[in-house]
Amino acid sequence: MTALPSTAISPGRPGPGYQDQTSFPVLARAFIEVSDQARTEGLLGRTRWFYLVVGGAVGAGLLGALTGLVLLGDTWWQLLIAAALGVVLTQVAFLAHEAAHRQILMTGPGNDRLARLLAAGVVGISYSWWDSKHSRHHANPNRVGRDPDIEADTISFLDEEAATATGFRRLLVRRQGWLFFPLLTLEGLNLHFQGLKHLMQRGEVRGRWLELGLIAGRFVILLGLVFWLLPIGIAFSFLAVQLAVFGVYMGASFAPNHKGMPVIDRAAKLDFFTKQVRTSRNIAGGWWATWLMGGLNYQIEHHLFPNMPRPHLARARVIVKAQCERLDVPYTETSLWRSYAIVIGYLNRVGLAARDPFECPMHALRR
């Protein structure tokens, strides 16, 4: 009988298809190494008490806003309650985002149920719509044709799409950087609309009737309270302020993470570690940025470890940053205000493609 080679299967050795990690290319091993270290340090474990405390605090804030709505009565001071409600609902959306990524509870189905309840029943947006869109983004951040977050909508994120804008949208795209934050006041309304549009489409939609029921119940309660307790003028103003604050807070939390970072060509082939790190941007600031942005300030680590709980991201940052320095992979981290300046500058640069190449710059400035 022919002797087996030294690499053949033996007791305690992995089976067919196994390949020693040391034979992988350096960058292909990069994620395996940081993942092993994160797992060894327990950073992928659940943090039950943290989410109990955060959930309790957010729930108290929501109850406080609704109590204020009832007790204040007929007064324009209700607009402060509306703004507070917009902030609290954004914090609920952060928790829904974390549950969707399996960060909170021990089981996948449990996290799904929690995310659906928070997203549809409390925030009022479709979880199935958001989950499908967000999953595609995580798989291919900033990749042309695959990341839905850089597809043309009101704003264009790619030069070629800006160049094809026509009519009123073309006028917007020309100055889209400066208009970005004003347009975010409508983002809350857009999130509700896109979710309902998804739920009303033909074909199979996971959780369609449950989500429609949750969203309908949520709006009946909120609109019922607002229009029962307040005069019609204050009621409409209340809803406008709540939606505007919610939209601006959501957009201001998600926009710094990838906008203005490298865009990947459709045909490009990148390893997982490089793809996630080079297209993501962290926001400096420590604990206050983590609370303000629901952990999205550690965007690089979140993209590498989507199911890592919020409290562990800061420790993961140390591991990932050291790996990037060792392998000479750019690790981008900046202040919140600097990130906004980068986003505005990037959108304005893209918007140049929508301008008339024969337009006189001085004439455009004086119009």
Protein backbone atom coordinates (compact mmCIF):
# COMPACT_ATOMS: atom_id res chain seq x y z
CA MET A 1 0.00 0.00 0.00
CA THR A 2 1.30 3.44 -0.93
CA ALA A 3 2.14 5.61 2.05
CA LEU A 4 -0.03 8.65 2.62
CA PRO A 5 1.61 12.06 2.14
CA SER A 6 2.32 14.14 5.21
CA THR A 7 -0.65 16.42 4.43
CA ALA A 8 -3.19 13.60 4.47
CA ILE A 9 -5.97 13.40 7.03
CA SER A 10 -4.87 12.24 10.46
CA PRO A 11 -6.50 12.28 13.90
CA GLY A 12 -7.06 15.88 15.01
CA ARG A 13 -6.36 17.31 11.53
CA PRO A 14 -9.09 19.12 9.48
CA GLY A 15 -10.77 17.15 6.72
CA PRO A 16 -10.84 17.50 2.90
CA GLY A 17 -10.82 21.03 1.54
CA TYR A 18 -8.82 22.39 4.49
CA GLN A 19 -6.15 24.91 3.62
CA ASP A 20 -3.60 26.15 6.12
CA GLN A 21 -4.21 29.87 6.75
CA THR A 22 -0.50 30.60 6.43
CA SER A 23 -0.79 29.77 2.74
CA PHE A 24 -3.38 32.53 2.19
CA PRO A 25 -2.29 35.88 0.69
CA VAL A 26 -1.43 38.43 3.40
CA LEU A 27 -4.56 40.56 2.94
CA ALA A 28 -6.77 37.50 2.71
CA ARG A 29 -5.47 36.49 6.15
CA ALA A 30 -5.99 39.97 7.58
CA PHE A 31 -9.62 39.51 8.53
CA ILE A 32 -9.08 35.96 9.80
CA GLU A 33 -6.42 37.25 12.17
CA VAL A 34 -8.41 40.18 13.59
CA SER A 35 -11.50 37.99 13.81
CA ASP A 36 -9.63 35.34 15.79
CA GLN A 37 -8.28 37.97 18.16
CA ALA A 38 -11.71 39.58 18.64
CA ARG A 39 -13.24 36.18 19.38
CA THR A 40 -10.44 35.29 21.80
CA GLU A 41 -11.03 38.54 23.73
CA GLY A 42 -14.78 37.84 23.89
CA LEU A 43 -15.78 40.84 21.77
CA LEU A 44 -18.45 38.91 19.87
CA GLY A 45 -20.33 37.93 23.02
CA ARG A 46 -23.72 39.46 23.89
CA THR A 47 -23.91 42.42 26.32
CA ARG A 48 -27.33 41.85 27.87
CA TRP A 49 -27.07 44.42 30.69
CA PHE A 50 -25.90 47.19 28.37
CA TYR A 51 -28.91 46.82 26.09
CA LEU A 52 -31.26 46.51 29.05
CA VAL A 53 -29.99 49.85 30.37
CA VAL A 54 -30.05 51.54 26.94
CA GLY A 55 -33.48 50.11 26.13
CA GLY A 56 -34.78 51.28 29.49
CA ALA A 57 -33.38 54.78 28.97
CA VAL A 58 -34.81 55.07 25.46
CA GLY A 59 -38.15 53.69 26.63
CA ALA A 60 -38.23 56.25 29.46
CA GLY A 61 -37.48 58.99 26.94
CA LEU A 62 -40.31 57.84 24.70
CA LEU A 63 -42.72 57.67 27.62
CA GLY A 64 -41.58 61.10 28.78
CA ALA A 65 -42.19 62.65 25.35
CA LEU A 66 -45.69 61.17 25.15
CA THR A 67 -46.44 62.30 28.71
CA GLY A 68 -45.31 65.81 27.84
CA LEU A 69 -47.56 65.76 24.79
CA VAL A 70 -50.55 64.91 27.00
CA LEU A 71 -49.77 67.30 29.86
CA LEU A 72 -48.66 70.42 27.99
CA GLY A 73 -51.89 70.74 26.04
CA ASP A 74 -52.65 73.62 23.65
CA THR A 75 -49.32 75.45 23.40
CA TRP A 76 -46.58 76.00 20.85
CA TRP A 77 -44.14 74.61 23.43
CA GLN A 78 -45.32 71.28 22.07
CA LEU A 79 -42.79 71.73 19.27
CA LEU A 80 -40.04 71.05 21.80
CA ILE A 81 -41.77 67.77 22.62
CA ALA A 82 -41.92 67.05 18.87
CA ALA A 83 -38.16 67.63 18.55
CA ALA A 84 -37.47 65.40 21.55
CA LEU A 85 -39.68 62.70 20.04
CA GLY A 86 -37.68 62.89 16.82
CA VAL A 87 -34.45 62.34 18.78
CA VAL A 88 -35.88 59.44 20.80
CA LEU A 89 -37.27 57.70 17.70
CA THR A 90 -33.82 57.91 16.10
CA GLN A 91 -32.37 56.20 19.17
CA VAL A 92 -35.04 53.49 18.79
CA ALA A 93 -33.98 53.13 15.14
CA PHE A 94 -30.37 52.59 16.31
CA LEU A 95 -31.57 49.74 18.54
CA ALA A 96 -33.58 48.27 15.66
CA HIS A 97 -30.42 48.42 13.53
CA GLU A 98 -28.45 46.56 16.21
CA ALA A 99 -31.15 43.93 16.65
CA ALA A 100 -31.23 43.40 12.88
CA HIS A 101 -27.49 42.70 13.04
CA ARG A 102 -28.04 40.08 15.79
CA GLN A 103 -26.22 42.22 18.36
CA ILE A 104 -28.78 42.22 21.18
CA LEU A 105 -30.45 38.84 21.78
CA MET A 106 -28.95 35.36 21.64
CA THR A 107 -30.97 33.96 18.72
CA GLY A 108 -31.54 35.14 15.16
CA PRO A 109 -35.35 34.81 15.24
CA GLY A 110 -35.49 36.69 18.54
CA ASN A 111 -33.43 39.56 17.13
CA ASP A 112 -35.61 39.61 14.00
CA ARG A 113 -38.79 39.90 16.06
CA LEU A 114 -37.31 42.66 18.19
CA ALA A 115 -36.03 44.59 15.16
CA ARG A 116 -39.42 44.34 13.42
CA LEU A 117 -41.27 45.50 16.53
CA LEU A 118 -38.96 48.49 17.05
CA ALA A 119 -38.75 49.50 13.37
CA ALA A 120 -42.38 49.06 12.33
CA GLY A 121 -44.23 49.32 15.64
CA VAL A 122 -42.31 52.21 17.21
CA VAL A 123 -40.43 54.09 14.46
CA GLY A 124 -43.02 53.38 11.75
CA ILE A 125 -40.75 52.14 8.93
CA SER A 126 -40.68 48.74 7.23
CA TYR A 127 -38.11 46.38 8.70
CA SER A 128 -38.19 44.01 5.69
CA TRP A 129 -37.48 46.93 3.32
CA TRP A 130 -34.65 48.27 5.42
CA ASP A 131 -33.13 44.83 6.08
CA SER A 132 -32.98 43.96 2.37
CA LYS A 133 -31.46 47.31 1.47
CA HIS A 134 -28.99 47.37 4.35
CA SER A 135 -27.81 43.80 3.80
CA ARG A 136 -26.88 44.62 0.20
CA HIS A 137 -25.01 47.69 1.41
CA HIS A 138 -22.97 45.67 3.93
CA ALA A 139 -22.04 43.09 1.31
CA ASN A 140 -20.75 45.67 -1.17
CA PRO A 141 -20.23 49.11 0.40
CA ASN A 142 -19.68 51.87 -2.18
CA ARG A 143 -19.58 49.37 -5.04
CA VAL A 144 -21.15 50.71 -8.23
CA GLY A 145 -24.30 48.81 -9.18
CA ARG A 146 -24.46 46.80 -5.95
CA ASP A 147 -24.69 49.23 -3.06
CA PRO A 148 -28.21 50.72 -2.93
CA ASP A 149 -26.94 53.55 -0.72
CA ILE A 150 -25.12 55.16 -3.66
CA GLU A 151 -27.90 54.71 -6.19
CA ALA A 152 -29.29 57.96 -7.60
CA ASP A 153 -32.32 59.34 -5.80
CA THR A 154 -32.82 63.05 -5.21
CA ILE A 155 -29.05 63.27 -4.72
CA SER A 156 -26.45 61.77 -7.05
CA PHE A 157 -23.37 60.07 -5.59
CA LEU A 158 -21.67 59.20 -8.90
CA ASP A 159 -20.46 61.53 -11.65
CA GLU A 160 -22.12 59.57 -14.46
CA GLU A 161 -25.50 59.67 -12.70
CA ALA A 162 -25.22 63.39 -11.97
CA ALA A 163 -24.49 64.02 -15.65
CA THR A 164 -27.80 62.39 -16.66
CA ALA A 165 -29.96 64.41 -14.25
CA THR A 166 -32.65 66.49 -15.98
CA GLY A 167 -35.21 69.12 -15.11
CA PHE A 168 -35.70 70.21 -11.52
CA ARG A 169 -33.50 67.40 -10.22
CA ARG A 170 -30.62 68.73 -12.30
CA LEU A 171 -30.97 72.08 -10.53
CA LEU A 172 -30.81 70.30 -7.17
CA VAL A 173 -27.82 68.17 -8.11
CA ARG A 174 -25.80 71.22 -9.15
CA ARG A 175 -25.80 72.45 -5.54
CA GLN A 176 -26.52 69.16 -3.81
CA GLY A 177 -23.69 69.47 -1.30
CA TRP A 178 -25.04 72.70 0.17
CA LEU A 179 -28.60 71.38 -0.05
CA PHE A 180 -27.80 68.05 1.60
CA PHE A 181 -28.72 68.94 5.18
CA PRO A 182 -31.81 70.99 4.25
CA LEU A 183 -33.01 68.01 2.18
CA LEU A 184 -32.57 65.72 5.19
CA THR A 185 -35.56 67.44 6.78
CA LEU A 186 -37.61 65.41 4.30
CA GLU A 187 -35.74 62.14 4.89
CA GLY A 188 -38.06 61.05 7.69
CA LEU A 189 -41.04 61.31 5.37
CA ASN A 190 -39.07 59.48 2.67
CA LEU A 191 -38.23 56.57 5.01
CA HIS A 192 -41.91 56.08 5.84
CA PHE A 193 -42.86 56.30 2.16
CA GLN A 194 -40.18 53.87 0.93
CA GLY A 195 -41.16 51.32 3.57
CA LEU A 196 -44.86 51.46 2.65
CA LYS A 197 -44.00 51.30 -1.05
CA HIS A 198 -42.01 48.12 -0.39
CA LEU A 199 -44.85 46.54 1.61
CA MET A 200 -47.42 47.37 -1.08
CA GLN A 201 -45.45 45.91 -3.99
CA ARG A 202 -46.50 42.75 -5.78
CA GLY A 203 -44.83 39.47 -5.02
CA GLU A 204 -43.71 37.96 -1.76
CA VAL A 205 -42.72 40.35 1.03
CA ARG A 206 -41.54 38.82 4.28
CA GLY A 207 -43.70 39.94 7.21
CA ARG A 208 -45.91 42.12 5.00
CA TRP A 209 -49.16 41.94 6.99
CA LEU A 210 -47.54 42.02 10.40
CA GLU A 211 -45.57 45.12 9.50
CA LEU A 212 -48.57 46.84 7.93
CA GLY A 213 -50.51 46.13 11.11
CA LEU A 214 -47.74 47.46 13.34
CA ILE A 215 -47.24 50.59 11.24
CA ALA A 216 -50.99 51.27 11.07
CA GLY A 217 -51.36 50.83 14.84
CA ARG A 218 -48.42 53.14 15.48
CA PHE A 219 -49.81 55.91 13.28
CA VAL A 220 -53.32 55.57 14.69
CA ILE A 221 -51.98 56.08 18.22
CA LEU A 222 -49.61 58.95 17.34
CA LEU A 223 -51.95 60.84 15.01
CA GLY A 224 -54.89 60.21 17.29
CA LEU A 225 -53.08 61.75 20.25
CA VAL A 226 -51.70 64.69 18.29
CA PHE A 227 -54.95 65.71 16.58
CA TRP A 228 -57.09 65.00 19.64
CA LEU A 229 -54.94 67.05 22.03
CA LEU A 230 -53.78 69.90 19.78
CA PRO A 231 -55.37 72.50 17.50
CA ILE A 232 -54.92 71.59 13.86
CA GLY A 233 -52.21 74.20 13.21
CA ILE A 234 -50.06 73.08 16.13
CA ALA A 235 -50.79 69.43 15.30
CA PHE A 236 -49.44 69.71 11.75
CA SER A 237 -46.46 71.74 13.01
CA PHE A 238 -45.79 69.05 15.64
CA LEU A 239 -45.66 66.32 12.99
CA ALA A 240 -43.49 68.44 10.69
CA VAL A 241 -40.93 69.13 13.42
CA GLN A 242 -40.87 65.51 14.57
CA LEU A 243 -40.30 64.22 11.02
CA ALA A 244 -37.69 66.90 10.27
CA VAL A 245 -35.64 66.21 13.41
CA PHE A 246 -35.89 62.46 12.85
CA GLY A 247 -34.75 62.79 9.22
CA VAL A 248 -31.85 65.13 9.97
CA TYR A 249 -30.64 63.05 12.92
CA MET A 250 -30.83 59.80 10.94
CA GLY A 251 -29.11 61.27 7.88
CA ALA A 252 -26.46 63.06 9.92
CA SER A 253 -25.63 59.76 11.68
CA PHE A 254 -25.40 57.55 8.58
CA ALA A 255 -23.97 59.98 5.98
CA PRO A 256 -20.45 60.41 7.49
CA ASN A 257 -19.79 56.67 7.34
CA HIS A 258 -19.19 56.17 3.60
CA LYS A 259 -19.95 59.33 1.62
CA GLY A 260 -16.75 60.75 0.17
CA MET A 261 -14.87 57.48 0.64
CA PRO A 262 -13.46 55.51 -2.35
CA VAL A 263 -16.06 54.12 -4.76
CA ILE A 264 -15.40 50.58 -6.04
CA ASP A 265 -15.79 49.77 -9.72
CA ARG A 266 -18.31 47.07 -10.69
CA ALA A 267 -15.60 44.69 -11.90
CA ALA A 268 -13.03 45.30 -9.14
CA LYS A 269 -11.98 42.34 -6.99
CA LEU A 270 -11.01 43.10 -3.41
CA ASP A 271 -10.53 40.97 -0.34
CA PHE A 272 -13.11 41.38 2.43
CA PHE A 273 -10.82 43.24 4.85
CA THR A 274 -9.61 45.81 2.33
CA LYS A 275 -13.08 46.36 0.88
CA GLN A 276 -14.70 47.08 4.23
CA VAL A 277 -11.89 49.21 5.68
CA ARG A 278 -11.13 51.40 2.67
CA THR A 279 -14.77 52.34 2.02
CA SER A 280 -15.65 53.18 5.65
CA ARG A 281 -14.89 56.16 7.87
CA ASN A 282 -14.79 56.29 11.67
CA ILE A 283 -15.82 59.33 13.69
CA ALA A 284 -13.51 60.29 16.56
CA GLY A 285 -14.90 61.33 19.92
CA GLY A 286 -15.13 58.27 22.10
CA TRP A 287 -18.13 57.64 24.38
CA TRP A 288 -20.13 60.74 23.45
CA ALA A 289 -19.91 59.95 19.73
CA THR A 290 -20.94 56.36 20.47
CA TRP A 291 -24.07 57.51 22.32
CA LEU A 292 -24.86 60.21 19.78
CA MET A 293 -24.53 57.88 16.77
CA GLY A 294 -25.61 54.57 18.25
CA GLY A 295 -22.19 52.99 17.63
CA LEU A 296 -22.09 54.06 13.98
CA ASN A 297 -19.00 56.15 14.78
CA TYR A 298 -17.07 52.84 14.68
CA GLN A 299 -18.15 52.17 11.13
CA ILE A 300 -15.02 50.28 10.10
CA GLU A 301 -15.34 47.81 12.94
CA HIS A 302 -19.10 47.55 12.43
CA HIS A 303 -18.60 46.56 8.80
CA LEU A 304 -15.97 43.99 9.70
CA PHE A 305 -18.03 42.58 12.60
CA PRO A 306 -21.71 43.42 11.91
CA ASN A 307 -22.92 41.33 14.87
CA MET A 308 -20.51 42.83 17.42
CA PRO A 309 -22.38 44.65 20.23
CA ARG A 310 -21.91 48.39 20.58
CA PRO A 311 -19.85 48.33 23.82
CA HIS A 312 -17.13 46.16 22.25
CA LEU A 313 -16.48 48.26 19.15
CA ALA A 314 -13.95 50.57 20.85
CA ARG A 315 -11.76 47.59 21.80
CA ALA A 316 -12.11 46.14 18.31
CA ARG A 317 -10.89 49.47 16.92
CA VAL A 318 -7.52 48.96 18.63
CA ILE A 319 -7.14 45.53 17.04
CA VAL A 320 -8.21 46.62 13.54
CA LYS A 321 -6.17 49.82 13.53
CA ALA A 322 -3.02 47.91 14.53
CA GLN A 323 -3.62 45.43 11.69
CA CYS A 324 -4.10 48.27 9.19
CA GLU A 325 -0.86 49.91 10.29
CA ARG A 326 0.99 46.61 9.97
CA LEU A 327 -0.35 45.96 6.46
CA ASP A 328 -0.29 49.61 5.32
CA VAL A 329 -4.06 49.66 4.70
CA PRO A 330 -5.52 53.20 5.01
CA TYR A 331 -7.61 53.56 8.20
CA THR A 332 -9.79 56.68 8.02
CA GLU A 333 -10.92 58.44 11.18
CA THR A 334 -11.87 62.08 11.53
CA SER A 335 -14.00 64.46 13.59
CA LEU A 336 -17.76 64.66 13.10
CA TRP A 337 -17.61 68.21 11.75
CA ARG A 338 -14.73 67.40 9.40
CA SER A 339 -16.70 64.43 8.07
CA TYR A 340 -19.64 66.70 7.25
CA ALA A 341 -17.30 69.07 5.38
CA ILE A 342 -15.95 66.10 3.40
CA VAL A 343 -19.47 64.91 2.54
CA ILE A 344 -20.58 68.38 1.40
CA GLY A 345 -17.42 68.86 -0.67
CA TYR A 346 -17.77 65.42 -2.26
CA LEU A 347 -21.43 65.96 -3.21
CA ASN A 348 -20.65 69.36 -4.67
CA ARG A 349 -17.80 67.89 -6.72
CA VAL A 350 -20.11 65.17 -8.08
CA GLY A 351 -22.71 67.84 -8.77
CA LEU A 352 -20.31 69.56 -11.18
CA ALA A 353 -21.19 66.84 -13.69
CA ALA A 354 -24.76 68.18 -13.81
CA ARG A 355 -23.69 71.68 -14.75
CA ASP A 356 -23.65 73.09 -18.26
CA PRO A 357 -20.05 72.85 -19.52
CA PHE A 358 -20.56 76.11 -21.44
CA GLU A 359 -21.91 78.02 -18.44
CA CYS A 360 -19.84 81.01 -17.30
CA PRO A 361 -18.87 80.47 -13.63
CA MET A 362 -19.11 84.20 -12.80
CA HIS A 363 -22.56 84.39 -14.41
CA ALA A 364 -23.69 81.36 -12.40
CA LEU A 365 -22.54 82.96 -9.15
CA ARG A 366 -24.42 86.21 -9.84
CA ARG A 367 -27.73 84.62 -10.76
